[in-house]
Amino acid sequence: MQQKERLDREIVAMRVARELRDGDVVNLGIGIPTLCSQFVPEGRSVTYHSESGVLGYGPMAEPGEEDVDLINAGGQFLAPSPGMSFFNSVEGFAMIRGGHVDVAVLGALQVSERGDLANWMLPHRGIGNVGGAMDLAVGARRIIVAMEHTDKSGSPKVVRECSFPLTAPECVSLIVTDIAVMQVAHDGLILTETAPGWSAEDVQALTEARLDVSPDLGDFRL
């Protein structure tokens, strides 16, 4: 297949941010998810939570305004926000386990056609750190995955069955990648949006799982 242009990480984050509703409490994972705090649609108020012990932080800090004590999950500096609060990680995890996080945006190594999530261990390299991922995968009310569609070797990350250790089964409701948006339905994945210039056939060629194509299929809705 001819090489086609993929969307930047910022565009993926911008599309995910459209899913955040006014008043949501949102936890952002490492990688593309951390960028979502930059793109909340105008007129919506979102409260960001981190299991490391902060609630109500703002977007990333402007150059020269960084605070070494205020960072996100990816180690990027954050801007303070009026009313933000700090606490220990015990309370941070209690908020997750108590069902107080509306949306968790997470990266992934693999997502299955049933919405199984694998995002903490690379078994062939023996590298993994689960962090708060398992708690978020079962504790947050909605899980959105934001990731590249394929790995560095070009292998599909949207698969029929996850071959990597699971973080949690059947927890993902929406997958946003650099070429497509897919909803996780009861009987599989529904392709709803594609990157400009990409067809449903192009996306399927890079996806191991079978995709049902929405009758309303269109370009990314930003």
N, C-alpha and C. Protein backbone atom coordinates (compact mmCIF):
# COMPACT_ATOMS: atom_id res chain seq x y z
N MET A 1 0.84 -1.20 0.00
CA MET A 1 0.00 0.00 0.00
C MET A 1 0.87 1.25 0.00
N GLN A 2 0.50 2.22 -0.80
CA GLN A 2 1.25 3.46 -0.87
C GLN A 2 1.24 4.16 0.48
N GLN A 3 2.40 4.68 0.87
CA GLN A 3 2.52 5.36 2.16
C GLN A 3 1.66 6.61 2.17
N LYS A 4 0.81 6.74 3.17
CA LYS A 4 -0.06 7.91 3.29
C LYS A 4 0.28 8.66 4.56
N GLU A 5 -0.06 9.93 4.55
CA GLU A 5 0.28 10.78 5.69
C GLU A 5 -0.61 10.46 6.88
N ARG A 6 0.03 10.30 8.03
CA ARG A 6 -0.71 10.06 9.27
C ARG A 6 -0.84 11.37 10.05
N LEU A 7 -1.81 11.39 10.93
CA LEU A 7 -2.07 12.59 11.71
C LEU A 7 -1.04 12.77 12.82
N ASP A 8 -0.73 14.01 13.14
CA ASP A 8 0.17 14.32 14.24
C ASP A 8 -0.46 13.91 15.57
N ARG A 9 0.40 13.71 16.55
CA ARG A 9 -0.08 13.36 17.89
C ARG A 9 -1.03 14.41 18.45
N GLU A 10 -0.76 15.68 18.13
CA GLU A 10 -1.62 16.76 18.63
C GLU A 10 -3.03 16.68 18.04
N ILE A 11 -3.14 16.25 16.79
CA ILE A 11 -4.46 16.11 16.16
C ILE A 11 -5.23 14.96 16.81
N VAL A 12 -4.54 13.87 17.11
CA VAL A 12 -5.18 12.75 17.81
C VAL A 12 -5.70 13.22 19.16
N ALA A 13 -4.87 13.97 19.89
CA ALA A 13 -5.29 14.47 21.20
C ALA A 13 -6.46 15.44 21.07
N MET A 14 -6.45 16.26 20.03
CA MET A 14 -7.53 17.21 19.81
C MET A 14 -8.86 16.48 19.56
N ARG A 15 -8.77 15.38 18.79
CA ARG A 15 -10.00 14.61 18.52
C ARG A 15 -10.51 13.96 19.79
N VAL A 16 -9.61 13.43 20.61
CA VAL A 16 -10.04 12.82 21.88
C VAL A 16 -10.67 13.87 22.78
N ALA A 17 -10.12 15.07 22.82
CA ALA A 17 -10.64 16.12 23.69
C ALA A 17 -12.09 16.47 23.37
N ARG A 18 -12.50 16.25 22.12
CA ARG A 18 -13.90 16.50 21.75
C ARG A 18 -14.85 15.57 22.48
N GLU A 19 -14.33 14.44 22.96
CA GLU A 19 -15.17 13.47 23.67
C GLU A 19 -15.41 13.85 25.12
N LEU A 20 -14.65 14.80 25.63
CA LEU A 20 -14.77 15.17 27.04
C LEU A 20 -15.94 16.11 27.22
N ARG A 21 -16.81 15.77 28.15
CA ARG A 21 -18.02 16.54 28.39
C ARG A 21 -17.81 17.57 29.49
N ASP A 22 -18.61 18.59 29.46
CA ASP A 22 -18.54 19.63 30.48
C ASP A 22 -18.77 19.02 31.86
N GLY A 23 -17.85 19.28 32.77
CA GLY A 23 -17.96 18.77 34.12
C GLY A 23 -17.26 17.44 34.37
N ASP A 24 -16.72 16.82 33.33
CA ASP A 24 -16.05 15.53 33.50
C ASP A 24 -14.81 15.64 34.38
N VAL A 25 -14.57 14.59 35.16
CA VAL A 25 -13.29 14.40 35.85
C VAL A 25 -12.49 13.43 35.00
N VAL A 26 -11.30 13.84 34.57
CA VAL A 26 -10.56 13.11 33.54
C VAL A 26 -9.14 12.81 34.01
N ASN A 27 -8.71 11.57 33.78
CA ASN A 27 -7.33 11.17 34.06
C ASN A 27 -6.64 10.92 32.72
N LEU A 28 -5.46 11.49 32.54
CA LEU A 28 -4.70 11.37 31.29
C LEU A 28 -3.46 10.52 31.50
N GLY A 29 -3.31 9.48 30.69
CA GLY A 29 -2.15 8.62 30.77
C GLY A 29 -0.94 9.21 30.05
N ILE A 30 0.15 8.45 30.05
CA ILE A 30 1.41 8.90 29.46
C ILE A 30 1.33 8.84 27.94
N GLY A 31 2.02 9.77 27.28
CA GLY A 31 2.09 9.78 25.82
C GLY A 31 1.09 10.75 25.22
N ILE A 32 0.45 10.34 24.13
CA ILE A 32 -0.54 11.19 23.47
C ILE A 32 -1.61 11.69 24.44
N PRO A 33 -2.11 10.85 25.36
CA PRO A 33 -3.17 11.34 26.26
C PRO A 33 -2.82 12.62 27.02
N THR A 34 -1.55 12.80 27.41
CA THR A 34 -1.22 14.00 28.19
C THR A 34 -1.47 15.28 27.40
N LEU A 35 -1.47 15.20 26.07
CA LEU A 35 -1.67 16.38 25.24
C LEU A 35 -3.12 16.87 25.24
N CYS A 36 -4.04 16.03 25.69
CA CYS A 36 -5.46 16.39 25.62
C CYS A 36 -5.80 17.63 26.44
N SER A 37 -5.02 17.89 27.49
CA SER A 37 -5.32 19.05 28.34
C SER A 37 -5.14 20.36 27.59
N GLN A 38 -4.48 20.32 26.44
CA GLN A 38 -4.27 21.53 25.64
C GLN A 38 -5.45 21.86 24.73
N PHE A 39 -6.39 20.93 24.58
CA PHE A 39 -7.37 21.07 23.51
C PHE A 39 -8.82 20.93 23.95
N VAL A 40 -9.13 21.22 25.19
CA VAL A 40 -10.53 21.15 25.63
C VAL A 40 -11.34 22.19 24.87
N PRO A 41 -12.43 21.78 24.23
CA PRO A 41 -13.24 22.73 23.45
C PRO A 41 -13.70 23.92 24.29
N GLU A 42 -13.76 25.07 23.66
CA GLU A 42 -14.17 26.28 24.34
C GLU A 42 -15.57 26.12 24.92
N GLY A 43 -15.73 26.61 26.15
CA GLY A 43 -17.03 26.53 26.79
C GLY A 43 -17.22 25.31 27.65
N ARG A 44 -16.26 24.39 27.65
CA ARG A 44 -16.36 23.19 28.49
C ARG A 44 -15.36 23.29 29.64
N SER A 45 -15.79 22.83 30.79
CA SER A 45 -14.94 22.81 31.97
C SER A 45 -14.65 21.36 32.33
N VAL A 46 -13.37 20.99 32.31
CA VAL A 46 -12.94 19.63 32.62
C VAL A 46 -11.97 19.68 33.80
N THR A 47 -12.16 18.78 34.77
CA THR A 47 -11.29 18.71 35.94
C THR A 47 -10.34 17.54 35.77
N TYR A 48 -9.04 17.83 35.73
CA TYR A 48 -8.05 16.78 35.52
C TYR A 48 -7.56 16.21 36.84
N HIS A 49 -7.47 14.89 36.86
CA HIS A 49 -7.07 14.14 38.05
C HIS A 49 -5.81 13.35 37.74
N SER A 50 -4.93 13.25 38.73
CA SER A 50 -3.76 12.38 38.60
C SER A 50 -3.63 11.54 39.86
N GLU A 51 -3.37 10.25 39.68
CA GLU A 51 -3.20 9.36 40.83
C GLU A 51 -1.96 9.71 41.64
N SER A 52 -1.10 10.55 41.09
CA SER A 52 0.08 10.99 41.85
C SER A 52 -0.28 12.01 42.92
N GLY A 53 -1.51 12.57 42.87
CA GLY A 53 -1.95 13.43 43.95
C GLY A 53 -2.31 14.86 43.61
N VAL A 54 -2.97 15.07 42.48
CA VAL A 54 -3.40 16.43 42.14
C VAL A 54 -4.75 16.36 41.43
N LEU A 55 -5.59 17.33 41.72
CA LEU A 55 -6.92 17.42 41.11
C LEU A 55 -7.16 18.87 40.69
N GLY A 56 -7.56 19.04 39.44
CA GLY A 56 -7.91 20.37 38.96
C GLY A 56 -6.76 21.15 38.36
N TYR A 57 -5.75 20.45 37.82
CA TYR A 57 -4.64 21.17 37.20
C TYR A 57 -5.02 21.72 35.83
N GLY A 58 -4.19 22.60 35.32
CA GLY A 58 -4.47 23.25 34.05
C GLY A 58 -3.71 22.62 32.91
N PRO A 59 -3.59 23.34 31.78
CA PRO A 59 -2.83 22.83 30.63
C PRO A 59 -1.34 22.86 30.93
N MET A 60 -0.54 22.53 29.94
CA MET A 60 0.91 22.55 30.14
C MET A 60 1.40 23.98 30.32
N ALA A 61 2.45 24.11 31.13
CA ALA A 61 2.98 25.44 31.45
C ALA A 61 3.66 26.07 30.24
N GLU A 62 3.57 27.38 30.16
CA GLU A 62 4.28 28.12 29.12
C GLU A 62 5.78 28.14 29.45
N PRO A 63 6.64 28.25 28.42
CA PRO A 63 8.07 28.33 28.67
C PRO A 63 8.41 29.46 29.64
N GLY A 64 9.23 29.17 30.63
CA GLY A 64 9.61 30.14 31.64
C GLY A 64 8.72 30.15 32.86
N GLU A 65 7.59 29.40 32.81
CA GLU A 65 6.65 29.36 33.93
C GLU A 65 6.57 27.96 34.55
N GLU A 66 7.57 27.14 34.27
CA GLU A 66 7.56 25.77 34.77
C GLU A 66 7.77 25.72 36.29
N ASP A 67 7.10 24.76 36.93
CA ASP A 67 7.25 24.49 38.36
C ASP A 67 7.66 23.03 38.50
N VAL A 68 8.84 22.78 39.07
CA VAL A 68 9.35 21.42 39.15
C VAL A 68 8.46 20.52 40.00
N ASP A 69 7.59 21.10 40.82
CA ASP A 69 6.71 20.31 41.67
C ASP A 69 5.33 20.08 41.05
N LEU A 70 5.13 20.53 39.81
CA LEU A 70 3.82 20.39 39.18
C LEU A 70 4.00 19.80 37.78
N ILE A 71 3.88 18.47 37.68
CA ILE A 71 4.07 17.77 36.41
C ILE A 71 2.94 16.77 36.18
N ASN A 72 2.76 16.37 34.92
CA ASN A 72 1.75 15.37 34.61
C ASN A 72 2.38 13.97 34.59
N ALA A 73 1.59 12.98 34.13
CA ALA A 73 2.06 11.59 34.14
C ALA A 73 3.29 11.38 33.27
N GLY A 74 3.46 12.24 32.26
CA GLY A 74 4.60 12.11 31.37
C GLY A 74 5.79 12.95 31.78
N GLY A 75 5.72 13.61 32.95
CA GLY A 75 6.81 14.44 33.41
C GLY A 75 6.85 15.82 32.79
N GLN A 76 5.77 16.23 32.10
CA GLN A 76 5.70 17.57 31.50
C GLN A 76 5.17 18.57 32.52
N PHE A 77 5.67 19.78 32.45
CA PHE A 77 5.28 20.81 33.41
C PHE A 77 3.87 21.30 33.12
N LEU A 78 3.12 21.53 34.21
CA LEU A 78 1.73 21.96 34.10
C LEU A 78 1.54 23.37 34.64
N ALA A 79 0.51 24.03 34.13
CA ALA A 79 0.14 25.34 34.64
C ALA A 79 -0.79 25.16 35.84
N PRO A 80 -0.64 25.97 36.88
CA PRO A 80 -1.57 25.90 38.01
C PRO A 80 -2.94 26.41 37.59
N SER A 81 -3.95 26.01 38.34
CA SER A 81 -5.31 26.42 38.04
C SER A 81 -6.01 26.78 39.34
N PRO A 82 -6.81 27.84 39.38
CA PRO A 82 -7.50 28.22 40.62
C PRO A 82 -8.33 27.06 41.16
N GLY A 83 -8.19 26.78 42.44
CA GLY A 83 -8.97 25.73 43.08
C GLY A 83 -8.34 24.35 43.04
N MET A 84 -7.18 24.22 42.39
CA MET A 84 -6.55 22.90 42.34
C MET A 84 -6.13 22.46 43.73
N SER A 85 -6.08 21.14 43.93
CA SER A 85 -5.76 20.61 45.25
C SER A 85 -4.72 19.50 45.14
N PHE A 86 -4.01 19.28 46.25
CA PHE A 86 -2.97 18.29 46.31
C PHE A 86 -3.25 17.32 47.45
N PHE A 87 -2.85 16.06 47.28
CA PHE A 87 -3.11 15.03 48.29
C PHE A 87 -2.14 13.89 48.02
N ASN A 88 -2.16 12.87 48.88
CA ASN A 88 -1.23 11.77 48.64
C ASN A 88 -1.84 10.75 47.67
N SER A 89 -1.00 9.82 47.22
CA SER A 89 -1.46 8.88 46.19
C SER A 89 -2.53 7.92 46.70
N VAL A 90 -2.58 7.70 48.00
CA VAL A 90 -3.63 6.84 48.56
C VAL A 90 -5.00 7.44 48.25
N GLU A 91 -5.13 8.74 48.48
CA GLU A 91 -6.40 9.40 48.18
C GLU A 91 -6.65 9.46 46.68
N GLY A 92 -5.55 9.64 45.91
CA GLY A 92 -5.68 9.67 44.46
C GLY A 92 -6.24 8.37 43.92
N PHE A 93 -5.73 7.25 44.42
CA PHE A 93 -6.23 5.95 43.97
C PHE A 93 -7.63 5.68 44.52
N ALA A 94 -7.93 6.19 45.70
CA ALA A 94 -9.28 6.01 46.25
C ALA A 94 -10.33 6.68 45.37
N MET A 95 -9.96 7.82 44.78
CA MET A 95 -10.89 8.49 43.87
C MET A 95 -11.18 7.63 42.64
N ILE A 96 -10.14 6.95 42.13
CA ILE A 96 -10.32 6.07 40.98
C ILE A 96 -11.18 4.87 41.38
N ARG A 97 -10.78 4.20 42.45
CA ARG A 97 -11.46 2.97 42.86
C ARG A 97 -12.89 3.24 43.34
N GLY A 98 -13.14 4.48 43.77
CA GLY A 98 -14.48 4.84 44.20
C GLY A 98 -15.40 5.25 43.07
N GLY A 99 -14.90 5.21 41.84
CA GLY A 99 -15.74 5.53 40.69
C GLY A 99 -15.94 7.00 40.44
N HIS A 100 -14.98 7.83 40.88
CA HIS A 100 -15.15 9.28 40.75
C HIS A 100 -14.47 9.86 39.51
N VAL A 101 -13.81 9.01 38.71
CA VAL A 101 -13.20 9.46 37.45
C VAL A 101 -14.14 9.12 36.30
N ASP A 102 -14.58 10.13 35.58
CA ASP A 102 -15.54 9.91 34.49
C ASP A 102 -14.88 9.31 33.26
N VAL A 103 -13.70 9.80 32.91
CA VAL A 103 -13.01 9.36 31.69
C VAL A 103 -11.53 9.18 31.98
N ALA A 104 -10.96 8.08 31.51
CA ALA A 104 -9.51 7.89 31.50
C ALA A 104 -9.08 7.76 30.05
N VAL A 105 -8.11 8.59 29.66
CA VAL A 105 -7.54 8.51 28.31
C VAL A 105 -6.18 7.84 28.45
N LEU A 106 -6.02 6.68 27.83
CA LEU A 106 -4.82 5.87 28.02
C LEU A 106 -4.16 5.54 26.68
N GLY A 107 -2.85 5.36 26.70
CA GLY A 107 -2.16 4.80 25.57
C GLY A 107 -2.32 3.28 25.60
N ALA A 108 -1.89 2.62 24.52
CA ALA A 108 -2.02 1.16 24.48
C ALA A 108 -0.94 0.55 23.61
N LEU A 109 -0.57 -0.68 23.96
CA LEU A 109 0.29 -1.50 23.12
C LEU A 109 -0.56 -2.34 22.18
N GLN A 110 -1.71 -2.80 22.69
CA GLN A 110 -2.68 -3.54 21.89
C GLN A 110 -4.08 -3.29 22.43
N VAL A 111 -5.05 -3.28 21.53
CA VAL A 111 -6.47 -3.28 21.90
C VAL A 111 -7.16 -4.32 21.04
N SER A 112 -7.97 -5.18 21.66
CA SER A 112 -8.65 -6.22 20.89
C SER A 112 -10.00 -5.73 20.38
N GLU A 113 -10.60 -6.54 19.50
CA GLU A 113 -11.89 -6.17 18.92
C GLU A 113 -13.01 -6.16 19.96
N ARG A 114 -12.77 -6.74 21.14
CA ARG A 114 -13.74 -6.70 22.23
C ARG A 114 -13.49 -5.54 23.19
N GLY A 115 -12.42 -4.79 22.96
CA GLY A 115 -12.08 -3.71 23.87
C GLY A 115 -11.16 -4.13 25.00
N ASP A 116 -10.53 -5.32 24.89
CA ASP A 116 -9.50 -5.71 25.86
C ASP A 116 -8.32 -4.76 25.71
N LEU A 117 -7.71 -4.39 26.82
CA LEU A 117 -6.61 -3.44 26.82
C LEU A 117 -5.33 -4.07 27.31
N ALA A 118 -4.24 -3.91 26.55
CA ALA A 118 -2.90 -4.31 26.99
C ALA A 118 -2.00 -3.09 26.84
N ASN A 119 -1.55 -2.54 27.96
CA ASN A 119 -0.74 -1.32 27.85
C ASN A 119 0.37 -1.20 28.89
N TRP A 120 0.76 -2.34 29.49
CA TRP A 120 1.74 -2.19 30.56
C TRP A 120 2.99 -3.06 30.41
N MET A 121 2.98 -4.05 29.52
CA MET A 121 4.11 -4.96 29.45
C MET A 121 4.46 -5.30 28.01
N LEU A 122 5.76 -5.17 27.68
CA LEU A 122 6.30 -5.66 26.41
C LEU A 122 7.00 -6.99 26.72
N PRO A 123 6.32 -8.11 26.53
CA PRO A 123 6.88 -9.39 26.99
C PRO A 123 8.18 -9.77 26.29
N HIS A 124 8.34 -9.40 25.01
CA HIS A 124 9.56 -9.78 24.30
C HIS A 124 10.78 -9.00 24.79
N ARG A 125 10.53 -7.89 25.49
CA ARG A 125 11.63 -7.11 26.06
C ARG A 125 11.70 -7.23 27.58
N GLY A 126 10.69 -7.84 28.17
CA GLY A 126 10.67 -7.97 29.62
C GLY A 126 10.53 -6.65 30.34
N ILE A 127 9.90 -5.68 29.68
CA ILE A 127 9.76 -4.34 30.24
C ILE A 127 8.29 -4.07 30.53
N GLY A 128 8.01 -3.58 31.74
CA GLY A 128 6.64 -3.24 32.06
C GLY A 128 6.51 -2.61 33.43
N ASN A 129 5.57 -1.71 33.56
CA ASN A 129 5.27 -1.06 34.84
C ASN A 129 3.81 -0.69 34.82
N VAL A 130 2.99 -1.37 35.61
CA VAL A 130 1.56 -1.18 35.48
C VAL A 130 1.09 0.16 36.01
N GLY A 131 1.81 0.75 36.98
CA GLY A 131 1.40 2.05 37.50
C GLY A 131 -0.06 2.05 37.94
N GLY A 132 -0.81 3.07 37.50
CA GLY A 132 -2.23 3.15 37.84
C GLY A 132 -3.13 2.63 36.76
N ALA A 133 -2.56 2.01 35.71
CA ALA A 133 -3.36 1.63 34.54
C ALA A 133 -4.48 0.64 34.87
N MET A 134 -4.18 -0.38 35.68
CA MET A 134 -5.21 -1.37 35.99
C MET A 134 -6.35 -0.76 36.79
N ASP A 135 -6.01 0.11 37.74
CA ASP A 135 -7.05 0.77 38.52
C ASP A 135 -7.94 1.62 37.62
N LEU A 136 -7.33 2.38 36.71
CA LEU A 136 -8.09 3.23 35.82
C LEU A 136 -8.95 2.41 34.86
N ALA A 137 -8.39 1.30 34.36
CA ALA A 137 -9.11 0.49 33.38
C ALA A 137 -10.40 -0.09 33.94
N VAL A 138 -10.43 -0.34 35.24
CA VAL A 138 -11.64 -0.91 35.84
C VAL A 138 -12.41 0.11 36.68
N GLY A 139 -11.75 1.22 37.06
CA GLY A 139 -12.40 2.18 37.95
C GLY A 139 -13.03 3.36 37.25
N ALA A 140 -12.46 3.80 36.12
CA ALA A 140 -13.02 4.94 35.40
C ALA A 140 -14.30 4.51 34.68
N ARG A 141 -15.21 5.43 34.53
CA ARG A 141 -16.49 5.10 33.91
C ARG A 141 -16.39 4.89 32.41
N ARG A 142 -15.42 5.54 31.77
CA ARG A 142 -15.22 5.37 30.33
C ARG A 142 -13.73 5.38 30.02
N ILE A 143 -13.30 4.46 29.15
CA ILE A 143 -11.90 4.37 28.75
C ILE A 143 -11.79 4.70 27.27
N ILE A 144 -10.97 5.70 26.96
CA ILE A 144 -10.65 6.05 25.58
C ILE A 144 -9.17 5.78 25.36
N VAL A 145 -8.84 5.07 24.29
CA VAL A 145 -7.44 4.82 23.95
C VAL A 145 -7.00 5.80 22.86
N ALA A 146 -5.85 6.42 23.08
CA ALA A 146 -5.23 7.31 22.09
C ALA A 146 -3.85 6.77 21.79
N MET A 147 -3.59 6.42 20.52
CA MET A 147 -2.31 5.77 20.20
C MET A 147 -2.04 5.82 18.69
N GLU A 148 -0.82 5.43 18.30
CA GLU A 148 -0.53 5.18 16.90
C GLU A 148 -1.22 3.88 16.49
N HIS A 149 -1.59 3.78 15.21
CA HIS A 149 -2.35 2.63 14.76
C HIS A 149 -1.50 1.37 14.67
N THR A 150 -0.21 1.54 14.40
CA THR A 150 0.71 0.40 14.32
C THR A 150 1.94 0.67 15.18
N ASP A 151 2.67 -0.40 15.49
CA ASP A 151 3.88 -0.21 16.30
C ASP A 151 5.05 0.19 15.40
N LYS A 152 6.23 0.30 15.98
CA LYS A 152 7.39 0.79 15.24
C LYS A 152 7.80 -0.13 14.10
N SER A 153 7.42 -1.41 14.19
CA SER A 153 7.74 -2.35 13.12
C SER A 153 6.64 -2.42 12.07
N GLY A 154 5.56 -1.67 12.28
CA GLY A 154 4.45 -1.68 11.34
C GLY A 154 3.37 -2.70 11.63
N SER A 155 3.49 -3.43 12.74
CA SER A 155 2.50 -4.44 13.10
C SER A 155 1.26 -3.78 13.68
N PRO A 156 0.07 -4.34 13.42
CA PRO A 156 -1.17 -3.75 13.94
C PRO A 156 -1.22 -3.76 15.46
N LYS A 157 -1.76 -2.69 16.02
CA LYS A 157 -2.01 -2.62 17.46
C LYS A 157 -3.47 -2.84 17.79
N VAL A 158 -4.33 -2.78 16.76
CA VAL A 158 -5.75 -3.12 16.92
C VAL A 158 -5.90 -4.55 16.39
N VAL A 159 -6.10 -5.49 17.30
CA VAL A 159 -5.95 -6.91 16.99
C VAL A 159 -7.22 -7.70 17.33
N ARG A 160 -7.26 -8.95 16.85
CA ARG A 160 -8.38 -9.81 17.21
C ARG A 160 -8.29 -10.23 18.67
N GLU A 161 -7.12 -10.69 19.07
CA GLU A 161 -6.86 -11.09 20.45
C GLU A 161 -5.54 -10.48 20.89
N CYS A 162 -5.50 -9.92 22.09
CA CYS A 162 -4.24 -9.36 22.60
C CYS A 162 -3.27 -10.51 22.92
N SER A 163 -2.05 -10.38 22.44
CA SER A 163 -1.01 -11.36 22.76
C SER A 163 -0.14 -10.90 23.92
N PHE A 164 -0.25 -9.62 24.29
CA PHE A 164 0.47 -9.08 25.43
C PHE A 164 -0.39 -9.26 26.70
N PRO A 165 0.23 -9.25 27.87
CA PRO A 165 -0.54 -9.36 29.12
C PRO A 165 -1.59 -8.26 29.22
N LEU A 166 -2.80 -8.65 29.59
CA LEU A 166 -3.90 -7.68 29.66
C LEU A 166 -3.77 -6.76 30.87
N THR A 167 -4.18 -5.53 30.65
CA THR A 167 -4.39 -4.59 31.74
C THR A 167 -5.77 -4.82 32.32
N ALA A 168 -6.77 -4.97 31.44
CA ALA A 168 -8.15 -5.28 31.84
C ALA A 168 -8.90 -5.75 30.60
N PRO A 169 -9.88 -6.65 30.78
CA PRO A 169 -10.68 -7.12 29.64
C PRO A 169 -11.87 -6.20 29.37
N GLU A 170 -12.21 -6.06 28.10
CA GLU A 170 -13.45 -5.42 27.65
C GLU A 170 -13.73 -4.09 28.36
N CYS A 171 -12.72 -3.24 28.42
CA CYS A 171 -12.89 -1.98 29.14
C CYS A 171 -12.90 -0.76 28.23
N VAL A 172 -12.38 -0.88 27.01
CA VAL A 172 -12.24 0.26 26.11
C VAL A 172 -13.54 0.51 25.36
N SER A 173 -13.94 1.77 25.27
CA SER A 173 -15.16 2.10 24.53
C SER A 173 -14.89 2.83 23.22
N LEU A 174 -13.72 3.51 23.11
CA LEU A 174 -13.39 4.26 21.91
C LEU A 174 -11.89 4.20 21.68
N ILE A 175 -11.49 4.02 20.41
CA ILE A 175 -10.08 4.00 20.03
C ILE A 175 -9.85 5.11 19.02
N VAL A 176 -8.89 5.99 19.32
CA VAL A 176 -8.53 7.07 18.39
C VAL A 176 -7.06 6.90 18.06
N THR A 177 -6.75 6.72 16.77
CA THR A 177 -5.37 6.54 16.34
C THR A 177 -5.00 7.63 15.34
N ASP A 178 -3.80 7.52 14.80
CA ASP A 178 -3.34 8.53 13.85
C ASP A 178 -3.92 8.33 12.45
N ILE A 179 -4.80 7.31 12.28
CA ILE A 179 -5.47 7.15 10.99
C ILE A 179 -6.96 6.88 11.10
N ALA A 180 -7.48 6.65 12.32
CA ALA A 180 -8.89 6.23 12.41
C ALA A 180 -9.48 6.45 13.79
N VAL A 181 -10.82 6.49 13.82
CA VAL A 181 -11.59 6.46 15.06
C VAL A 181 -12.50 5.23 14.99
N MET A 182 -12.47 4.41 16.04
CA MET A 182 -13.24 3.17 16.08
C MET A 182 -14.01 3.07 17.38
N GLN A 183 -15.29 2.78 17.29
CA GLN A 183 -16.10 2.53 18.47
C GLN A 183 -16.09 1.04 18.78
N VAL A 184 -16.03 0.70 20.06
CA VAL A 184 -16.10 -0.69 20.47
C VAL A 184 -17.56 -1.01 20.76
N ALA A 185 -18.14 -1.86 19.91
CA ALA A 185 -19.54 -2.24 20.06
C ALA A 185 -19.64 -3.65 20.62
N HIS A 186 -20.86 -4.10 20.87
CA HIS A 186 -21.09 -5.42 21.46
C HIS A 186 -20.52 -6.54 20.59
N ASP A 187 -20.59 -6.36 19.26
CA ASP A 187 -20.17 -7.42 18.35
C ASP A 187 -18.91 -7.07 17.56
N GLY A 188 -18.12 -6.10 18.03
CA GLY A 188 -16.88 -5.79 17.36
C GLY A 188 -16.62 -4.30 17.23
N LEU A 189 -15.75 -3.95 16.30
CA LEU A 189 -15.33 -2.57 16.13
C LEU A 189 -16.04 -1.92 14.95
N ILE A 190 -16.45 -0.67 15.14
CA ILE A 190 -17.10 0.10 14.10
C ILE A 190 -16.19 1.26 13.72
N LEU A 191 -15.79 1.30 12.46
CA LEU A 191 -14.96 2.39 11.94
C LEU A 191 -15.86 3.58 11.64
N THR A 192 -15.65 4.69 12.35
CA THR A 192 -16.52 5.85 12.21
C THR A 192 -15.87 7.04 11.53
N GLU A 193 -14.52 7.15 11.64
CA GLU A 193 -13.81 8.28 11.05
C GLU A 193 -12.44 7.82 10.56
N THR A 194 -11.96 8.47 9.50
CA THR A 194 -10.62 8.18 9.00
C THR A 194 -9.85 9.48 8.83
N ALA A 195 -8.53 9.38 8.85
CA ALA A 195 -7.69 10.54 8.55
C ALA A 195 -7.92 10.95 7.10
N PRO A 196 -7.78 12.24 6.80
CA PRO A 196 -7.96 12.69 5.42
C PRO A 196 -7.08 11.92 4.44
N GLY A 197 -7.69 11.45 3.34
CA GLY A 197 -6.95 10.70 2.34
C GLY A 197 -6.92 9.20 2.57
N TRP A 198 -7.45 8.76 3.70
CA TRP A 198 -7.48 7.33 4.03
C TRP A 198 -8.88 6.77 3.79
N SER A 199 -8.95 5.62 3.15
CA SER A 199 -10.22 4.93 2.95
C SER A 199 -10.41 3.86 4.01
N ALA A 200 -11.62 3.32 4.09
CA ALA A 200 -11.87 2.22 5.02
C ALA A 200 -10.97 1.03 4.70
N GLU A 201 -10.74 0.79 3.41
CA GLU A 201 -9.87 -0.33 2.99
C GLU A 201 -8.43 -0.11 3.44
N ASP A 202 -7.97 1.15 3.37
CA ASP A 202 -6.62 1.47 3.83
C ASP A 202 -6.46 1.17 5.32
N VAL A 203 -7.45 1.57 6.10
CA VAL A 203 -7.39 1.35 7.55
C VAL A 203 -7.46 -0.15 7.86
N GLN A 204 -8.36 -0.86 7.17
CA GLN A 204 -8.48 -2.30 7.42
C GLN A 204 -7.18 -3.03 7.11
N ALA A 205 -6.44 -2.57 6.11
CA ALA A 205 -5.19 -3.22 5.73
C ALA A 205 -4.15 -3.15 6.84
N LEU A 206 -4.27 -2.18 7.74
CA LEU A 206 -3.34 -2.03 8.85
C LEU A 206 -3.96 -2.44 10.19
N THR A 207 -5.09 -3.14 10.12
CA THR A 207 -5.83 -3.55 11.32
C THR A 207 -6.06 -5.05 11.27
N GLU A 208 -5.64 -5.76 12.32
CA GLU A 208 -5.86 -7.20 12.36
C GLU A 208 -7.32 -7.53 12.63
N ALA A 209 -7.94 -6.79 13.53
CA ALA A 209 -9.35 -7.02 13.84
C ALA A 209 -10.23 -6.61 12.66
N ARG A 210 -11.36 -7.29 12.51
CA ARG A 210 -12.30 -6.92 11.45
C ARG A 210 -13.04 -5.65 11.83
N LEU A 211 -13.17 -4.74 10.87
CA LEU A 211 -13.85 -3.48 11.11
C LEU A 211 -15.18 -3.44 10.36
N ASP A 212 -16.25 -3.12 11.07
CA ASP A 212 -17.52 -2.80 10.43
C ASP A 212 -17.50 -1.30 10.13
N VAL A 213 -17.88 -0.94 8.93
CA VAL A 213 -17.81 0.46 8.51
C VAL A 213 -19.14 1.15 8.77
N SER A 214 -19.10 2.26 9.51
CA SER A 214 -20.30 3.03 9.79
C SER A 214 -20.86 3.62 8.50
N PRO A 215 -22.19 3.65 8.35
CA PRO A 215 -22.78 4.31 7.18
C PRO A 215 -22.50 5.81 7.16
N ASP A 216 -22.11 6.35 8.30
CA ASP A 216 -21.79 7.78 8.40
C ASP A 216 -20.29 8.03 8.40
N LEU A 217 -19.52 7.08 7.88
CA LEU A 217 -18.06 7.23 7.85
C LEU A 217 -17.65 8.54 7.19
N GLY A 218 -16.72 9.25 7.85
CA GLY A 218 -16.21 10.51 7.31
C GLY A 218 -14.83 10.80 7.83
N ASP A 219 -14.28 11.96 7.48
CA ASP A 219 -12.98 12.39 7.99
C ASP A 219 -13.05 12.70 9.48
N PHE A 220 -11.89 12.79 10.11
CA PHE A 220 -11.82 13.16 11.53
C PHE A 220 -12.67 14.40 11.79
N ARG A 221 -13.46 14.34 12.85
CA ARG A 221 -14.33 15.45 13.21
C ARG A 221 -13.64 16.28 14.29
N LEU A 222 -13.11 17.41 13.90
CA LEU A 222 -12.37 18.28 14.82
C LEU A 222 -13.13 19.56 15.10
